[in-house]
């Protein structure tokens, strides 16, 4: 009885994956075309009509609030999520920087400067708030719910991979992948979709503010330091600085995650959630054929663009 009850709370994997593939194709063709003409209008259409509404339709096959984990989000976890995002940011920058350094040995990296001529509130809504709501409902809500029949860790990793693939940008692959893992863990540790939404929003705000007001100033300052001249590479110097900061970040993050995990285990025990691990299924690779097709599509797009 418990096994059947558990299954009914999860979306069908093949249906979700097929839907994801179709949406990715629409995003890459129609969505990209609209966004290239009008960035803000295109962003709104992509986020709402290609990501949010399909996620809500998919989750409607079950109890929507349960599927998407629309649950209470405590103030204590609210503060923890803020701290996690702040201390994760330099670590993700470091790993992304290392990836781009390696990638630059094989392809010529391109710079896509952002146009900051519009009002700040417009950016905060379209590139910070809107994606945080729409993308979390789809990638952390619907996808993790469907994949969870294969285990929590698999669900987080697989949904993060799909999240990264959906960006269709090899230069912007590692950061979304790592952020997906971070957001997925926050969803599981807090039990609420509002945790990854908040984390996603804060990460986007930090990225926007640093890109607009901070990065150029920091780069100029670091480039003028004696240590940067001794090293002979500003890029390597920045990686070293981020590495030092990341050591502190890892210590703080471990402290936060250990306590959040302890509280989650206590909640799961009281609710009997720990019993569900007995019913983790073996992975059916047929259900992931659409995702394999998405990976192939991603590499075809990479070859055509680069």
Protein backbone atom coordinates (compact mmCIF):
# COMPACT_ATOMS: atom_id res chain seq x y z
CA UNK A 1 0.00 0.00 0.00
CA UNK A 2 2.81 2.41 0.92
CA UNK A 3 4.61 1.55 -2.31
CA UNK A 4 1.57 2.40 -4.46
CA UNK A 5 0.89 5.56 -2.49
CA UNK A 6 4.48 6.70 -3.06
CA UNK A 7 4.38 6.01 -6.80
CA UNK A 8 1.27 8.14 -7.27
CA UNK A 9 3.15 11.17 -6.01
CA UNK A 10 5.70 10.97 -8.83
CA UNK A 11 5.29 12.14 -12.41
CA UNK A 12 5.85 9.67 -15.23
CA UNK A 13 9.55 9.76 -16.19
CA UNK A 14 9.15 9.07 -19.92
CA UNK A 15 6.42 11.70 -20.25
CA UNK A 16 8.50 14.33 -18.44
CA UNK A 17 11.63 13.54 -20.47
CA UNK A 18 9.74 13.59 -23.78
CA UNK A 19 8.14 16.89 -22.82
CA UNK A 20 11.58 18.24 -21.91
CA UNK A 21 13.02 17.30 -25.30
CA UNK A 22 10.14 18.95 -27.17
CA UNK A 23 10.44 22.11 -25.08
CA UNK A 24 14.21 22.22 -25.64
CA UNK A 25 13.67 22.11 -29.42
CA UNK A 26 11.06 24.86 -29.19
CA UNK A 27 13.39 26.92 -26.99
CA UNK A 28 16.32 26.47 -29.39
CA UNK A 29 14.28 27.47 -32.45
CA UNK A 30 11.27 29.67 -31.78
CA UNK A 31 12.38 30.87 -28.34
CA UNK A 32 15.88 31.82 -29.44
CA UNK A 33 14.52 33.65 -32.50
CA UNK A 34 12.14 35.75 -30.39
CA UNK A 35 14.77 36.48 -27.73
CA UNK A 36 17.35 37.58 -30.32
CA UNK A 37 14.91 40.24 -31.55
CA UNK A 38 13.75 41.50 -28.17
CA UNK A 39 15.69 40.21 -25.16
CA UNK A 40 13.17 41.07 -22.44
CA UNK A 41 10.05 40.03 -24.37
CA UNK A 42 11.79 36.85 -25.51
CA UNK A 43 12.90 36.06 -21.97
CA UNK A 44 9.35 36.45 -20.71
CA UNK A 45 7.92 34.21 -23.45
CA UNK A 46 10.59 31.53 -22.93
CA UNK A 47 10.29 31.48 -19.15
CA UNK A 48 6.50 31.56 -18.93
CA UNK A 49 5.31 29.68 -22.04
CA UNK A 50 8.20 27.25 -22.63
CA UNK A 51 9.13 26.50 -19.02
CA UNK A 52 6.54 27.55 -16.41
CA UNK A 53 3.21 26.63 -18.04
CA UNK A 54 4.44 23.20 -19.25
CA UNK A 55 5.74 22.48 -15.75
CA UNK A 56 2.37 23.34 -14.24
CA UNK A 57 0.60 21.18 -16.83
CA UNK A 58 2.93 18.25 -16.16
CA UNK A 59 2.54 18.52 -12.39
CA UNK A 60 -1.24 18.57 -12.75
CA UNK A 61 -1.25 14.80 -13.22
CA UNK A 62 -0.56 14.57 -9.48
CA UNK A 63 -1.30 16.76 -6.50
CA UNK A 64 0.42 19.93 -7.69
CA UNK A 65 1.47 21.27 -4.29
CA UNK A 66 2.98 17.89 -3.37
CA UNK A 67 4.72 17.38 -6.71
CA UNK A 68 6.26 20.86 -6.70
CA UNK A 69 6.88 20.90 -2.93
CA UNK A 70 4.97 24.11 -2.31
CA UNK A 71 5.50 23.90 1.42
CA UNK A 72 6.31 26.06 4.43
CA UNK A 73 9.77 27.63 4.39
CA UNK A 74 11.10 28.52 7.85
CA UNK A 75 12.90 31.78 8.63
CA UNK A 76 15.90 29.79 9.87
CA UNK A 77 16.24 28.06 6.51
CA UNK A 78 15.62 31.39 4.77
CA UNK A 79 18.78 32.78 6.43
CA UNK A 80 20.70 29.56 5.76
CA UNK A 81 19.86 29.67 2.04
CA UNK A 82 21.15 33.25 1.84
CA UNK A 83 24.42 32.21 3.49
CA UNK A 84 24.73 29.12 1.27
CA UNK A 85 24.38 31.23 -1.89
CA UNK A 86 26.90 33.84 -0.70
CA UNK A 87 29.53 31.28 0.25
CA UNK A 88 28.87 29.07 -2.80
CA UNK A 89 29.36 31.91 -5.25
CA UNK A 90 33.20 32.10 -5.16
CA UNK A 91 33.47 28.30 -5.25
CA UNK A 92 31.30 28.06 -8.36
CA UNK A 93 33.23 30.94 -9.93
CA UNK A 94 36.45 29.05 -9.27
CA UNK A 95 35.26 25.76 -10.80
CA UNK A 96 33.70 27.58 -13.74
CA UNK A 97 36.93 29.52 -14.28
CA UNK A 98 39.00 26.33 -14.28
CA UNK A 99 36.58 24.75 -16.77
CA UNK A 100 36.76 27.78 -19.10
CA UNK A 101 40.56 27.82 -18.85
CA UNK A 102 40.67 24.18 -19.99
CA UNK A 103 38.00 24.77 -22.64
CA UNK A 104 39.96 27.73 -24.07
CA UNK A 105 42.74 25.30 -25.02
CA UNK A 106 40.36 23.65 -27.52
CA UNK A 107 38.03 26.41 -28.74
CA UNK A 108 38.07 30.19 -28.97
CA UNK A 109 35.87 31.55 -26.21
CA UNK A 110 33.48 34.34 -27.07
CA UNK A 111 32.45 37.28 -24.92
CA UNK A 112 28.77 38.21 -24.92
CA UNK A 113 28.54 41.62 -23.22
CA UNK A 114 25.26 42.51 -21.55
CA UNK A 115 23.48 45.73 -22.46
CA UNK A 116 22.99 47.62 -19.19
CA UNK A 117 21.24 50.66 -20.66
CA UNK A 118 17.83 49.79 -19.21
CA UNK A 119 16.46 50.42 -15.70
CA UNK A 120 17.85 48.17 -12.95
CA UNK A 121 14.39 46.95 -11.94
CA UNK A 122 13.85 45.62 -15.45
CA UNK A 123 16.94 43.42 -15.16
CA UNK A 124 16.03 42.32 -11.65
CA UNK A 125 12.63 41.15 -12.86
CA UNK A 126 13.54 39.57 -16.21
CA UNK A 127 16.94 38.00 -15.49
CA UNK A 128 16.74 37.49 -11.71
CA UNK A 129 13.19 36.95 -10.45
CA UNK A 130 11.39 35.44 -13.46
CA UNK A 131 13.92 32.64 -14.13
CA UNK A 132 14.14 31.88 -10.40
CA UNK A 133 10.41 31.14 -10.28
CA UNK A 134 9.82 29.50 -13.66
CA UNK A 135 13.00 27.41 -13.92
CA UNK A 136 12.81 26.12 -10.36
CA UNK A 137 9.23 24.96 -10.82
CA UNK A 138 10.28 23.01 -13.93
CA UNK A 139 13.80 21.74 -13.21
CA UNK A 140 13.70 21.35 -9.43
CA UNK A 141 9.95 20.78 -9.13
CA UNK A 142 8.72 18.60 -11.98
CA UNK A 143 12.02 16.96 -13.00
CA UNK A 144 13.26 16.03 -9.52
CA UNK A 145 9.82 14.73 -8.61
CA UNK A 146 9.75 12.38 -11.62
CA UNK A 147 13.36 11.21 -11.25
CA UNK A 148 13.11 10.58 -7.53
CA UNK A 149 11.83 7.05 -8.03
CA UNK A 150 15.48 6.26 -8.89
CA UNK A 151 16.81 7.89 -5.71
CA UNK A 152 17.30 11.41 -4.44
CA UNK A 153 20.94 11.80 -5.52
CA UNK A 154 20.20 10.57 -9.04
CA UNK A 155 17.23 12.96 -9.26
CA UNK A 156 19.37 15.95 -8.31
CA UNK A 157 22.24 15.06 -10.65
CA UNK A 158 20.00 14.22 -13.61
CA UNK A 159 17.85 17.33 -13.26
CA UNK A 160 21.05 19.42 -12.98
CA UNK A 161 22.39 17.90 -16.20
CA UNK A 162 19.14 18.69 -18.03
CA UNK A 163 19.23 22.22 -16.58
CA UNK A 164 22.77 22.73 -17.93
CA UNK A 165 21.92 21.23 -21.34
CA UNK A 166 18.88 23.48 -21.63
CA UNK A 167 21.18 26.55 -21.73
CA UNK A 168 22.69 25.34 -25.05
CA UNK A 169 25.97 27.12 -24.35
CA UNK A 170 29.16 25.14 -23.73
CA UNK A 171 30.75 28.21 -22.12
CA UNK A 172 27.84 28.30 -19.71
CA UNK A 173 27.62 24.58 -18.91
CA UNK A 174 29.51 24.00 -15.67
CA UNK A 175 27.98 26.91 -13.73
CA UNK A 176 24.34 25.83 -14.36
CA UNK A 177 25.31 22.22 -13.65
CA UNK A 178 26.81 23.12 -10.27
CA UNK A 179 24.00 25.53 -9.45
CA UNK A 180 21.49 22.82 -10.32
CA UNK A 181 23.15 20.48 -7.82
CA UNK A 182 23.13 23.25 -5.22
CA UNK A 183 19.48 24.20 -5.80
CA UNK A 184 18.42 20.54 -5.86
CA UNK A 185 20.09 19.88 -2.51
CA UNK A 186 18.45 22.94 -0.99
CA UNK A 187 15.08 21.63 -2.19
CA UNK A 188 15.71 18.25 -0.58
CA UNK A 189 17.16 19.63 2.65
CA UNK A 190 14.38 22.15 3.28
CA UNK A 191 11.51 20.26 1.62
CA UNK A 192 10.28 23.48 0.03
CA UNK A 193 10.47 24.80 -3.55
CA UNK A 194 10.86 28.30 -2.09
CA UNK A 195 14.43 27.46 -1.02
CA UNK A 196 15.83 26.92 -4.54
CA UNK A 197 13.73 29.84 -5.80
CA UNK A 198 15.35 32.14 -3.26
CA UNK A 199 18.81 30.71 -3.98
CA UNK A 200 18.36 31.09 -7.74
CA UNK A 201 17.14 34.68 -7.36
CA UNK A 202 20.01 35.67 -5.04
CA UNK A 203 22.60 34.05 -7.29
CA UNK A 204 21.25 35.94 -10.31
CA UNK A 205 21.19 39.21 -8.37
CA UNK A 206 24.80 38.76 -7.25
CA UNK A 207 25.86 37.87 -10.81
CA UNK A 208 24.04 40.89 -12.23
CA UNK A 209 25.37 43.37 -9.66
CA UNK A 210 28.96 42.13 -9.86
CA UNK A 211 28.94 42.11 -13.67
CA UNK A 212 27.57 45.65 -13.80
CA UNK A 213 29.39 47.35 -10.94
CA UNK A 214 32.21 45.22 -9.52
CA UNK A 215 34.06 42.92 -11.95
CA UNK A 216 35.85 45.55 -14.03
CA UNK A 217 37.03 47.43 -10.94
CA UNK A 218 38.32 44.25 -9.29
CA UNK A 219 40.10 43.12 -12.44
CA UNK A 220 41.84 46.48 -12.79
CA UNK A 221 42.89 46.46 -9.13
CA UNK A 222 44.21 42.89 -9.21
CA UNK A 223 46.04 43.52 -12.47
CA UNK A 224 47.96 46.37 -10.85
CA UNK A 225 49.13 44.37 -7.85
CA UNK A 226 52.73 43.24 -7.57
CA UNK A 227 51.71 39.61 -7.11
CA UNK A 228 49.77 39.66 -10.40
CA UNK A 229 52.88 40.94 -12.19
CA UNK A 230 55.01 38.24 -10.55
CA UNK A 231 52.61 35.50 -11.61
CA UNK A 232 52.39 36.94 -15.09
CA UNK A 233 48.76 35.98 -15.68
CA UNK A 234 45.73 37.83 -14.35
CA UNK A 235 43.55 34.78 -15.06
CA UNK A 236 45.79 32.51 -12.99
CA UNK A 237 45.99 35.11 -10.22
CA UNK A 238 42.18 35.33 -10.04
CA UNK A 239 41.95 31.53 -9.82
CA UNK A 240 44.47 31.55 -6.95
CA UNK A 241 42.51 34.26 -5.11
CA UNK A 242 39.21 32.41 -5.63
CA UNK A 243 40.88 29.21 -4.46
CA UNK A 244 41.90 30.83 -1.18
CA UNK A 245 38.40 32.25 -0.66
CA UNK A 246 36.84 28.90 -1.58
CA UNK A 247 38.66 27.14 1.27
CA UNK A 248 36.73 29.31 3.72
CA UNK A 249 33.55 28.77 1.69
CA UNK A 250 33.83 24.99 1.87
CA UNK A 251 34.23 25.09 5.66
CA UNK A 252 31.17 27.32 6.12
CA UNK A 253 29.08 25.36 3.62
CA UNK A 254 29.89 22.07 5.30
CA UNK A 255 28.81 23.53 8.63
CA UNK A 256 25.48 24.71 7.16
CA UNK A 257 24.72 21.54 5.19
CA UNK A 258 25.49 19.21 8.12
CA UNK A 259 22.93 20.99 10.28
CA UNK A 260 20.32 21.16 7.54
CA UNK A 261 20.79 17.45 6.80
CA UNK A 262 20.44 16.58 10.49
CA UNK A 263 17.13 18.44 10.68
CA UNK A 264 15.92 16.81 7.44
CA UNK A 265 16.66 13.33 8.82
CA UNK A 266 14.69 14.15 11.95
CA UNK A 267 11.72 15.41 9.88
CA UNK A 268 11.83 12.36 7.62
CA UNK A 269 11.90 9.99 10.59
CA UNK A 270 8.90 11.66 12.21
CA UNK A 271 6.93 11.52 8.94
CA UNK A 272 8.08 8.00 8.04
CA UNK A 273 9.75 9.30 4.88
CA UNK A 274 12.85 7.15 5.47
CA UNK A 275 10.76 4.06 4.70
CA UNK A 276 10.40 5.15 1.09
CA UNK A 277 14.02 4.42 0.26
CA UNK A 278 13.01 0.73 0.14
CA UNK A 279 11.10 1.37 -3.07
CA UNK A 280 13.82 3.00 -5.17
CA UNK A 281 13.60 1.49 -8.64
CA UNK A 282 16.32 0.38 -11.00
CA UNK A 283 16.99 2.90 -13.77
CA UNK A 284 15.06 2.16 -16.95
CA UNK A 285 17.27 3.55 -19.73
CA UNK A 286 14.40 3.54 -22.22
CA UNK A 287 12.78 6.32 -20.19
CA UNK A 288 15.87 8.47 -20.78
CA UNK A 289 16.05 8.12 -24.57
CA UNK A 290 14.62 11.67 -24.96
CA UNK A 291 17.44 12.99 -22.72
CA UNK A 292 20.01 11.08 -24.79
CA UNK A 293 18.49 12.75 -27.87
CA UNK A 294 18.80 16.10 -26.08
CA UNK A 295 22.50 15.45 -25.44
CA UNK A 296 23.04 14.61 -29.11
CA UNK A 297 21.15 17.78 -30.09
CA UNK A 298 23.34 19.77 -27.70
CA UNK A 299 26.54 18.47 -29.34
CA UNK A 300 25.19 19.11 -32.84
CA UNK A 301 24.41 22.68 -31.81
CA UNK A 302 27.90 22.99 -30.31
CA UNK A 303 29.55 21.82 -33.55
CA UNK A 304 27.45 24.18 -35.68
CA UNK A 305 28.07 27.23 -33.46
CA UNK A 306 31.76 26.66 -32.72
